[in-house]
Amino acid sequence: MDERDPMDRLSSAYRVKVDPETKDRHIAEMGAAIRTAPPVPIPSRSRFGLQHRVAALAGVLVIAAPVGMAVAAEHSVPGDFLYPVKQFTERVRAVVDPGVGATHRVEEAERLFLRGAKERDIAHAVERAESATSELDDAGTLGPRLDRIHERAEARAEEQRKNRAGPPQQVPGPRVPNRVRTRV
C-alpha cells in the first residue's frame, strides 16, 4: 500500500506525462482539424428576441395601465375625470368588502368640504354618503364622521351667508363737485 498523503496520490493520478513527440503530433492534428472544419455562424440578435421584448413590454403595459388608473382614481370625487374608474373599482371591491362604497362616499364628502366645494355639491355628497351608510348593518365610525361633516358644512354655509350680506351700506348723498369756483 502507498504511504503518501491522499491528496498527493490524487494529484499524481491526474498528472499525465506525455513525451514531446506525442505532444507535437497532437497539436498538429488539432491545427489541421481547425483549418478543415466548416465555419460556424456567430449568432446575432435575432428578431425572435425583439419579439419577446415587445411582447413583455405590451404585457406590462396591459397590466400596469389599468392598475395605475385605479390607484390614481382612488382619491377622485364626483366631477373628476377619473371618478367613473373609481366607481367601477368600488363595484369590484364590494364583492369582498360591502362597506367600501359607504366609506368612499364619506371620504368624498370630507374631501369636497376640505376643498371648499360649493354648498350644493357638499350637500349632495352628504346625501349620497347617508344613503350608502344606511344600507350597512353596522356603520361604525362612518355615522359620526358624516354628522361632523354635515355640521361643519352647515356652519360654513351660515358664515358665507353672513359674509355675503356684509356690513350695512350707506345711502349715497348728493354729489358735491370736486372743486368749487369762487370769484374774487
Protein backbone atom coordinates (compact mmCIF):
# COMPACT_ATOMS: atom_id res chain seq x y z
CA MET A 1 0.00 0.00 0.00
CA ASP A 2 1.07 3.56 -0.80
CA GLU A 3 2.06 5.55 2.32
CA ARG A 4 1.68 9.01 0.72
CA ASP A 5 -0.89 11.62 1.67
CA PRO A 6 -4.25 11.01 -0.06
CA MET A 7 -4.11 14.47 -1.68
CA ASP A 8 -0.70 13.73 -3.14
CA ARG A 9 -1.98 10.47 -4.52
CA LEU A 10 -4.96 12.21 -6.14
CA SER A 11 -2.88 14.96 -7.70
CA SER A 12 -0.35 12.46 -9.04
CA ALA A 13 -3.17 10.44 -10.62
CA TYR A 14 -4.11 13.46 -12.75
CA ARG A 15 -0.59 14.23 -13.89
CA VAL A 16 -0.12 12.80 -17.31
CA LYS A 17 3.37 12.50 -18.72
CA VAL A 18 3.47 12.98 -22.45
CA ASP A 19 6.64 12.77 -24.45
CA PRO A 20 7.44 15.76 -26.68
CA GLU A 21 6.86 13.88 -29.98
CA THR A 22 3.30 12.87 -28.97
CA LYS A 23 2.60 16.41 -27.78
CA ASP A 24 3.76 17.94 -31.11
CA ARG A 25 1.70 15.41 -33.07
CA HIS A 26 -1.49 16.19 -31.07
CA ILE A 27 -1.01 19.94 -31.58
CA ALA A 28 -0.52 19.43 -35.34
CA GLU A 29 -3.68 17.29 -35.57
CA MET A 30 -5.75 19.92 -33.68
CA GLY A 31 -4.47 22.67 -36.01
CA ALA A 32 -5.39 20.61 -39.10
CA ALA A 33 -8.87 19.92 -37.68
CA ILE A 34 -9.45 23.62 -37.03
CA ARG A 35 -8.34 24.58 -40.56
CA THR A 36 -10.52 21.99 -42.30
CA ALA A 37 -13.66 22.47 -40.16
CA PRO A 38 -16.60 24.32 -41.76
CA PRO A 39 -17.18 27.85 -40.44
CA VAL A 40 -19.75 28.15 -37.67
CA PRO A 41 -22.01 31.18 -37.97
CA ILE A 42 -21.92 33.53 -34.98
CA PRO A 43 -25.45 34.13 -33.74
CA SER A 44 -26.55 37.73 -33.94
CA ARG A 45 -29.53 39.45 -32.35
CA SER A 46 -32.45 37.71 -33.80
CA ARG A 47 -35.88 39.15 -34.49
CA PHE A 48 -37.19 36.48 -32.15
CA GLY A 49 -35.52 38.21 -29.18
CA LEU A 50 -37.02 41.56 -30.19
CA GLN A 51 -40.46 39.99 -30.43
CA HIS A 52 -40.11 38.64 -26.91
CA ARG A 53 -39.12 42.06 -25.59
CA VAL A 54 -42.04 43.77 -27.34
CA ALA A 55 -44.46 41.14 -26.03
CA ALA A 56 -43.13 41.55 -22.49
CA LEU A 57 -43.45 45.32 -22.70
CA ALA A 58 -47.00 45.02 -24.01
CA GLY A 59 -47.88 42.63 -21.19
CA VAL A 60 -46.51 45.03 -18.60
CA LEU A 61 -48.47 47.91 -20.12
CA VAL A 62 -51.67 45.88 -20.24
CA ILE A 63 -51.34 45.22 -16.52
CA ALA A 64 -49.76 48.49 -15.36
CA ALA A 65 -52.08 50.93 -17.16
CA PRO A 66 -55.36 49.83 -15.54
CA VAL A 67 -53.72 49.38 -12.14
CA GLY A 68 -52.20 52.85 -12.39
CA MET A 69 -55.53 54.35 -13.36
CA ALA A 70 -57.27 52.62 -10.46
CA VAL A 71 -54.68 53.91 -8.00
CA ALA A 72 -54.91 57.43 -9.43
CA ALA A 73 -58.72 57.33 -9.28
CA GLU A 74 -58.78 56.28 -5.62
CA HIS A 75 -58.98 59.87 -4.35
CA SER A 76 -61.23 61.31 -7.04
CA VAL A 77 -64.53 62.97 -6.20
CA PRO A 78 -67.69 63.46 -8.25
CA GLY A 79 -66.89 65.65 -11.22
CA ASP A 80 -63.28 64.48 -11.57
CA PHE A 81 -62.15 62.83 -14.80
CA LEU A 82 -61.28 59.50 -13.15
CA TYR A 83 -64.39 59.26 -10.96
CA PRO A 84 -66.07 56.63 -13.22
CA VAL A 85 -62.95 54.47 -12.85
CA LYS A 86 -63.24 54.78 -9.07
CA GLN A 87 -66.90 53.73 -9.19
CA PHE A 88 -66.01 50.67 -11.26
CA THR A 89 -63.23 49.61 -8.88
CA GLU A 90 -65.61 50.08 -5.95
CA ARG A 91 -68.10 47.67 -7.52
CA VAL A 92 -65.33 45.12 -7.94
CA ARG A 93 -64.08 45.62 -4.37
CA ALA A 94 -67.64 45.48 -2.98
CA VAL A 95 -67.68 41.77 -3.79
CA VAL A 96 -65.19 41.28 -0.96
CA ASP A 97 -65.98 44.30 1.27
CA PRO A 98 -69.58 45.57 1.06
CA GLY A 99 -68.74 48.67 3.14
CA VAL A 100 -66.20 50.07 0.70
CA GLY A 101 -68.77 52.20 -1.12
CA ALA A 102 -70.06 53.80 2.07
CA THR A 103 -66.53 54.52 3.27
CA HIS A 104 -65.66 56.16 -0.03
CA ARG A 105 -68.85 58.27 -0.03
CA VAL A 106 -68.00 59.64 3.43
CA GLU A 107 -64.40 60.30 2.35
CA GLU A 108 -65.66 62.10 -0.77
CA ALA A 109 -67.88 64.34 1.34
CA GLU A 110 -64.90 65.13 3.58
CA ARG A 111 -62.66 65.91 0.59
CA LEU A 112 -65.26 68.15 -1.02
CA PHE A 113 -65.64 70.03 2.26
CA LEU A 114 -61.87 70.45 2.64
CA ARG A 115 -61.53 71.62 -0.97
CA GLY A 116 -64.11 74.31 -0.29
CA ALA A 117 -66.57 72.99 -2.86
CA LYS A 118 -69.95 74.59 -3.42
CA GLU A 119 -72.60 74.12 -0.77
CA ARG A 120 -74.88 72.14 -3.05
CA ASP A 121 -72.06 69.75 -4.04
CA ILE A 122 -71.26 69.07 -0.40
CA ALA A 123 -74.96 68.60 0.42
CA HIS A 124 -75.31 66.15 -2.47
CA ALA A 125 -72.21 64.23 -1.32
CA VAL A 126 -73.56 64.07 2.25
CA GLU A 127 -76.89 62.73 0.95
CA ARG A 128 -75.12 60.04 -1.05
CA ALA A 129 -72.98 59.14 1.96
CA GLU A 130 -76.07 58.92 4.20
CA SER A 131 -77.76 56.69 1.66
CA ALA A 132 -74.71 54.42 1.42
CA THR A 133 -74.26 54.16 5.19
CA SER A 134 -77.95 53.42 5.75
CA GLU A 135 -77.54 50.26 3.64
CA LEU A 136 -74.87 48.93 6.02
CA ASP A 137 -75.72 46.79 9.01
CA ASP A 138 -73.01 48.43 11.10
CA ALA A 139 -72.00 51.95 10.06
CA GLY A 140 -69.31 52.02 12.78
CA THR A 141 -67.35 55.26 12.70
CA LEU A 142 -68.89 56.44 9.44
CA GLY A 143 -72.02 57.83 11.10
CA PRO A 144 -70.20 60.23 13.45
CA ARG A 145 -67.83 61.32 10.67
CA LEU A 146 -70.81 62.07 8.47
CA ASP A 147 -72.50 64.04 11.26
CA ARG A 148 -69.36 66.16 11.74
CA ILE A 149 -69.20 66.91 8.01
CA HIS A 150 -72.86 67.86 7.98
CA GLU A 151 -72.44 70.19 10.98
CA ARG A 152 -69.30 71.82 9.61
CA ALA A 153 -70.88 72.30 6.18
CA GLU A 154 -73.93 73.97 7.73
CA ALA A 155 -71.70 76.25 9.84
CA ARG A 156 -69.67 77.22 6.77
CA ALA A 157 -72.84 77.91 4.77
CA GLU A 158 -74.19 80.13 7.57
CA GLU A 159 -70.89 82.00 7.72
CA GLN A 160 -70.91 82.52 3.95
CA ARG A 161 -74.47 83.87 4.10
CA LYS A 162 -73.42 86.36 6.78
CA ASN A 163 -70.37 87.43 4.77
CA ARG A 164 -72.45 87.92 1.62
CA ALA A 165 -74.78 90.31 3.43
CA GLY A 166 -71.78 92.33 4.66
CA PRO A 167 -71.95 95.47 6.76
CA PRO A 168 -74.88 97.84 6.25
CA GLN A 169 -74.20 100.15 3.32
CA GLN A 170 -74.67 103.89 3.42
CA VAL A 171 -77.08 105.51 1.07
CA PRO A 172 -75.16 107.83 -1.21
CA GLY A 173 -75.89 111.53 -0.67
CA PRO A 174 -75.97 114.32 -3.21
CA ARG A 175 -72.94 114.73 -5.39
CA VAL A 176 -70.60 117.51 -4.46
CA PRO A 177 -68.34 118.85 -7.15
CA ASN A 178 -64.67 118.27 -6.58
CA ARG A 179 -63.72 121.91 -6.93
CA VAL A 180 -65.68 124.96 -6.21
CA ARG A 181 -65.08 128.16 -8.21
CA THR A 182 -65.17 131.33 -6.35
CA ARG A 183 -64.86 134.92 -7.68
CA VAL A 184 -62.76 137.43 -6.01
